[in-house]
Amino acid sequence: MPEGDSVWQTARRLDALEGHVLTGSDLRIPSLATVDLAGRQVLGTVSRGKHLLTRLTDGITLHSHLRMEGRWDVQAAGTPWRRPAHEARAVLRTEKSEAIGFSILLDVVATEAEQSLVGHLGPDLLGADWDPVLAVRRLQRLPHLSIGEALVDQRNLAGIGNIYRAEACFLAGVDPNTRVDAVRNLPKLVAIAHQLLETHRDRHSRITTGDRRPGRRLWVYRRQGPCLRCGTPVRTGELGPEGQERTVWLCPSCQPDLPPASS
């Protein structure tokens, strides 16, 4: 699933439509097949965690979610598409540009009703609403959950995916399997996650180690072999509710699993 920085970058690509009137639209899912957005001006697009809100005149918002493999391409009108047409779920056209949403989820709602779609989300790591104190409080509501699960629960803080979960936990020295109530410095972990996304929101490659060489750009995510810091073999595991497990990576030496303070 795309991380918050990728979604933020997608919103910036969609900025090419801002201020322009749609000359055509094609929403290719059954529930929206009869919806025509042509004639409305695009007021802008904002990212909210892993969601995108494209606001139009007449109080209409096109909501999209990139799921696991989705993307929006924005290109000059008439340019050949980069992905197969059968994957297209939305096409927005202006006189000069064309935005194609591939393999995405879509909704059309009144702008005033956006909260019905994103109101459940925690503070956005890349948003104007970012609030580290609130993010910590939301994590603390789940003391018996693993910190790895809590970090990717978008109701706590919005924008972290599997990559930044792995890298933030490594940099904070926390095993993602550790219970939330055993993490000694939650504010530090939240601050690291925020810094990682802020640093990478305008970059197209992720480098958390400071080393640009292939195979050395990330500390543990998808790493096979020794830890880049201490040489201990990187370990993998599975975290998440049954049927929704995701792989986690960690260095058992640099990220010790801590027992709850009460045990």
Protein backbone atom coordinates (compact mmCIF):
# COMPACT_ATOMS: atom_id res chain seq x y z
CA MET A 1 0.00 0.00 0.00
CA PRO A 2 1.43 3.45 -0.86
CA GLU A 3 2.90 5.38 2.04
CA GLY A 4 1.75 8.86 2.99
CA ASP A 5 4.59 10.56 1.11
CA SER A 6 3.60 8.83 -2.14
CA VAL A 7 -0.01 9.92 -1.69
CA TRP A 8 1.14 13.50 -0.98
CA GLN A 9 3.19 13.44 -4.19
CA THR A 10 0.16 12.15 -6.09
CA ALA A 11 -1.85 15.12 -4.84
CA ARG A 12 0.88 17.42 -6.13
CA ARG A 13 0.67 15.76 -9.58
CA LEU A 14 -3.08 16.33 -9.59
CA ASP A 15 -2.40 20.02 -8.92
CA ALA A 16 -1.94 20.27 -12.70
CA LEU A 17 -5.76 20.24 -12.93
CA GLU A 18 -6.26 23.01 -10.37
CA GLY A 19 -8.05 26.06 -11.71
CA HIS A 20 -9.09 24.28 -14.91
CA VAL A 21 -12.58 23.26 -16.00
CA LEU A 22 -13.16 19.60 -16.72
CA THR A 23 -14.10 19.06 -20.35
CA GLY A 24 -14.89 15.41 -19.71
CA SER A 25 -14.94 12.73 -17.04
CA ASP A 26 -15.26 8.96 -17.08
CA LEU A 27 -15.74 7.14 -13.77
CA ARG A 28 -15.46 3.46 -14.57
CA ILE A 29 -17.13 1.76 -11.65
CA PRO A 30 -20.79 0.71 -11.74
CA SER A 31 -22.01 2.91 -8.87
CA LEU A 32 -20.59 6.05 -10.53
CA ALA A 33 -21.06 5.17 -14.19
CA THR A 34 -23.71 7.86 -14.71
CA VAL A 35 -21.85 10.61 -12.81
CA ASP A 36 -20.59 13.37 -15.10
CA LEU A 37 -18.18 15.91 -13.63
CA ALA A 38 -17.68 17.84 -16.87
CA GLY A 39 -18.19 21.58 -16.62
CA ARG A 40 -16.93 21.83 -13.05
CA GLN A 41 -13.72 23.64 -12.15
CA VAL A 42 -11.07 21.79 -10.15
CA LEU A 43 -10.40 23.70 -6.94
CA GLY A 44 -7.51 21.49 -5.82
CA THR A 45 -6.52 18.14 -4.36
CA VAL A 46 -5.45 17.40 -0.80
CA SER A 47 -4.05 14.21 0.65
CA ARG A 48 -5.36 12.87 3.93
CA GLY A 49 -3.23 9.97 5.09
CA LYS A 50 -3.64 7.50 2.23
CA HIS A 51 -6.75 9.20 0.82
CA LEU A 52 -7.05 11.88 -1.89
CA LEU A 53 -9.78 14.51 -2.01
CA THR A 54 -10.18 16.33 -5.33
CA ARG A 55 -12.54 19.26 -4.76
CA LEU A 56 -14.69 20.72 -7.52
CA THR A 57 -17.06 23.62 -7.83
CA ASP A 58 -20.72 23.04 -6.93
CA GLY A 59 -19.58 21.52 -3.64
CA ILE A 60 -18.49 18.16 -5.07
CA THR A 61 -15.50 16.07 -3.99
CA LEU A 62 -14.03 13.12 -5.86
CA HIS A 63 -12.50 10.84 -3.24
CA SER A 64 -9.91 8.27 -4.27
CA HIS A 65 -7.78 5.69 -2.48
CA LEU A 66 -4.76 4.07 -4.12
CA ARG A 67 -5.24 0.66 -2.42
CA MET A 68 -2.15 -1.54 -2.93
CA GLU A 69 -1.17 -0.87 -6.54
CA GLY A 70 -3.19 2.17 -7.60
CA ARG A 71 -1.84 5.40 -9.04
CA TRP A 72 -2.88 8.60 -10.76
CA ASP A 73 -1.02 9.56 -13.94
CA VAL A 74 -1.29 13.15 -15.15
CA GLN A 75 -0.18 13.87 -18.69
CA ALA A 76 -0.80 15.98 -21.76
CA ALA A 77 -4.16 15.32 -23.39
CA GLY A 78 -3.89 12.68 -26.09
CA THR A 79 -0.71 11.09 -24.73
CA PRO A 80 -0.75 7.26 -24.72
CA TRP A 81 -1.51 5.77 -21.32
CA ARG A 82 1.27 4.07 -19.39
CA ARG A 83 -0.92 1.27 -18.07
CA PRO A 84 -3.59 -0.94 -19.67
CA ALA A 85 -6.97 0.71 -20.29
CA HIS A 86 -8.81 -2.04 -18.39
CA GLU A 87 -7.09 -0.89 -15.18
CA ALA A 88 -8.40 2.67 -15.54
CA ARG A 89 -11.10 3.58 -13.02
CA ALA A 90 -11.26 7.34 -13.55
CA VAL A 91 -10.42 9.75 -16.34
CA LEU A 92 -10.54 13.52 -15.82
CA ARG A 93 -9.93 15.74 -18.85
CA THR A 94 -9.23 19.43 -19.32
CA GLU A 95 -8.31 21.22 -22.54
CA LYS A 96 -4.62 20.51 -21.99
CA SER A 97 -4.31 17.70 -19.47
CA GLU A 98 -5.65 14.28 -18.66
CA ALA A 99 -5.56 12.52 -15.29
CA ILE A 100 -6.06 8.74 -15.28
CA GLY A 101 -6.61 6.83 -12.06
CA PHE A 102 -5.57 3.19 -12.35
CA SER A 103 -6.70 0.46 -9.92
CA ILE A 104 -8.11 2.95 -7.41
CA LEU A 105 -11.19 3.11 -5.20
CA LEU A 106 -13.59 5.99 -5.88
CA ASP A 107 -16.44 7.89 -4.25
CA VAL A 108 -18.21 11.12 -5.12
CA VAL A 109 -19.57 13.04 -2.13
CA ALA A 110 -20.60 16.53 -1.18
CA THR A 111 -17.52 18.44 -0.05
CA GLU A 112 -19.23 19.17 3.26
CA ALA A 113 -19.54 15.40 3.79
CA GLU A 114 -15.85 14.56 3.38
CA GLN A 115 -15.59 13.73 7.06
CA SER A 116 -17.81 10.72 6.48
CA LEU A 117 -14.92 9.23 4.51
CA VAL A 118 -11.83 10.49 6.35
CA GLY A 119 -13.10 11.70 9.72
CA HIS A 120 -12.04 8.46 11.41
CA LEU A 121 -8.36 9.05 10.59
CA GLY A 122 -5.80 10.17 13.12
CA PRO A 123 -3.64 13.27 12.64
CA ASP A 124 -1.97 13.32 9.23
CA LEU A 125 1.83 13.10 9.37
CA LEU A 126 2.03 15.40 6.33
CA GLY A 127 -1.08 17.46 6.97
CA ALA A 128 -1.91 20.81 8.48
CA ASP A 129 -3.66 18.92 11.28
CA TRP A 130 -0.50 17.09 12.41
CA ASP A 131 -0.48 16.87 16.20
CA PRO A 132 2.19 14.65 17.78
CA VAL A 133 0.60 14.85 21.22
CA LEU A 134 -2.72 13.59 19.86
CA ALA A 135 -0.94 10.86 17.91
CA VAL A 136 0.77 9.61 21.08
CA ARG A 137 -2.54 9.68 22.97
CA ARG A 138 -4.23 7.62 20.28
CA LEU A 139 -1.46 5.03 20.38
CA GLN A 140 -1.71 4.86 24.16
CA ARG A 141 -5.39 3.91 23.90
CA LEU A 142 -4.20 0.49 22.67
CA PRO A 143 -1.74 -0.57 25.40
CA HIS A 144 -1.93 -4.31 24.72
CA LEU A 145 -1.51 -4.05 20.93
CA SER A 146 1.90 -4.41 19.33
CA ILE A 147 3.42 -1.06 18.39
CA GLY A 148 3.89 -2.37 14.85
CA GLU A 149 0.16 -2.90 14.46
CA ALA A 150 -0.73 0.38 16.16
CA LEU A 151 1.54 2.44 13.90
CA VAL A 152 -0.15 1.31 10.68
CA ASP A 153 -3.66 1.70 12.09
CA GLN A 154 -4.64 4.90 10.30
CA ARG A 155 -7.05 5.80 13.12
CA ASN A 156 -4.03 6.56 15.31
CA LEU A 157 -1.87 8.53 12.90
CA ALA A 158 -2.40 8.71 9.16
CA GLY A 159 0.25 8.00 6.56
CA ILE A 160 2.51 5.21 7.86
CA GLY A 161 2.78 2.01 5.84
CA ASN A 162 5.01 -1.03 6.02
CA ILE A 163 8.19 0.74 4.90
CA TYR A 164 8.11 3.55 7.43
CA ARG A 165 6.91 1.23 10.17
CA ALA A 166 10.03 -0.88 9.70
CA GLU A 167 12.41 2.05 9.40
CA ALA A 168 10.92 4.15 12.23
CA CYS A 169 10.97 1.21 14.64
CA PHE A 170 14.59 0.50 13.75
CA LEU A 171 15.69 4.10 14.24
CA ALA A 172 13.85 4.24 17.56
CA GLY A 173 15.38 0.92 18.68
CA VAL A 174 11.97 -0.68 19.15
CA ASP A 175 10.93 -4.20 18.16
CA PRO A 176 7.60 -3.83 16.28
CA ASN A 177 6.27 -6.80 18.28
CA THR A 178 6.66 -4.84 21.54
CA ARG A 179 3.38 -3.90 23.22
CA VAL A 180 2.50 -0.23 23.12
CA ASP A 181 2.60 0.01 26.92
CA ALA A 182 6.21 -1.25 26.91
CA VAL A 183 7.58 1.32 24.47
CA ARG A 184 9.73 3.58 26.63
CA ASN A 185 9.56 6.70 24.48
CA LEU A 186 6.47 6.88 22.28
CA PRO A 187 6.96 10.61 21.52
CA LYS A 188 10.43 9.85 20.12
CA LEU A 189 9.06 7.10 17.87
CA VAL A 190 6.26 9.36 16.61
CA ALA A 191 8.76 12.17 15.99
CA ILE A 192 10.99 9.84 13.96
CA ALA A 193 8.03 8.70 11.84
CA HIS A 194 7.06 12.32 11.19
CA GLN A 195 10.62 13.26 10.26
CA LEU A 196 10.91 10.33 7.84
CA LEU A 197 7.77 11.31 5.93
CA GLU A 198 8.61 15.02 5.94
CA THR A 199 12.10 14.29 4.61
CA HIS A 200 10.82 12.11 1.78
CA ARG A 201 7.66 13.88 0.68
CA ASP A 202 9.52 15.71 -2.11
CA ARG A 203 11.84 12.82 -2.98
CA HIS A 204 11.24 9.96 -5.40
CA SER A 205 13.60 7.53 -3.68
CA ARG A 206 13.65 6.57 -0.01
CA ILE A 207 17.01 6.70 1.76
CA THR A 208 16.87 6.33 5.53
CA THR A 209 20.51 5.30 6.06
CA GLY A 210 22.13 8.23 4.26
CA ASP A 211 23.81 5.74 1.90
CA ARG A 212 22.66 5.94 -1.71
CA ARG A 213 24.28 2.67 -2.81
CA PRO A 214 21.87 -0.06 -3.97
CA GLY A 215 21.02 -2.44 -1.15
CA ARG A 216 22.09 0.02 1.54
CA ARG A 217 19.41 2.72 1.34
CA LEU A 218 17.06 1.29 3.98
CA TRP A 219 18.00 -0.09 7.37
CA VAL A 220 15.82 -3.19 7.55
CA TYR A 221 12.84 -3.04 5.19
CA ARG A 222 13.08 -6.04 2.85
CA ARG A 223 16.67 -6.51 3.89
CA GLN A 224 18.11 -10.01 3.63
CA GLY A 225 21.34 -10.61 5.49
CA PRO A 226 23.18 -8.73 8.21
CA CYS A 227 22.08 -5.52 9.87
CA LEU A 228 23.89 -2.55 8.35
CA ARG A 229 24.64 -1.21 11.82
CA CYS A 230 25.69 -4.21 13.90
CA GLY A 231 25.93 -7.21 11.57
CA THR A 232 23.26 -9.29 13.30
CA PRO A 233 21.04 -11.15 10.78
CA VAL A 234 17.86 -9.20 10.06
CA ARG A 235 14.76 -11.12 11.17
CA THR A 236 11.31 -11.18 9.61
CA GLY A 237 7.90 -11.97 11.06
CA GLU A 238 4.20 -11.40 10.53
CA LEU A 239 2.01 -8.84 12.28
CA GLY A 240 -1.66 -8.01 11.98
CA PRO A 241 -5.12 -9.49 12.41
CA GLU A 242 -5.70 -12.97 11.03
CA GLY A 243 -5.95 -12.80 7.26
CA GLN A 244 -4.41 -9.31 7.16
CA GLU A 245 -0.89 -10.09 8.30
CA ARG A 246 1.98 -8.04 6.88
CA THR A 247 5.69 -8.83 6.99
CA VAL A 248 7.87 -6.92 9.45
CA TRP A 249 11.65 -6.65 9.42
CA LEU A 250 13.87 -5.96 12.43
CA CYS A 251 17.32 -6.35 13.90
CA PRO A 252 16.98 -8.29 17.18
CA SER A 253 20.14 -6.63 18.56
CA CYS A 254 19.32 -3.03 17.67
CA GLN A 255 15.60 -3.43 18.45
CA PRO A 256 15.13 -5.37 21.69
CA ASP A 257 11.64 -6.60 22.52
CA LEU A 258 10.70 -5.14 25.90
CA PRO A 259 8.20 -6.60 28.41
CA PRO A 260 5.37 -4.39 29.72
CA ALA A 261 6.44 -2.22 32.66
CA SER A 262 3.86 -3.93 34.87
CA SER A 263 5.20 -7.47 34.37
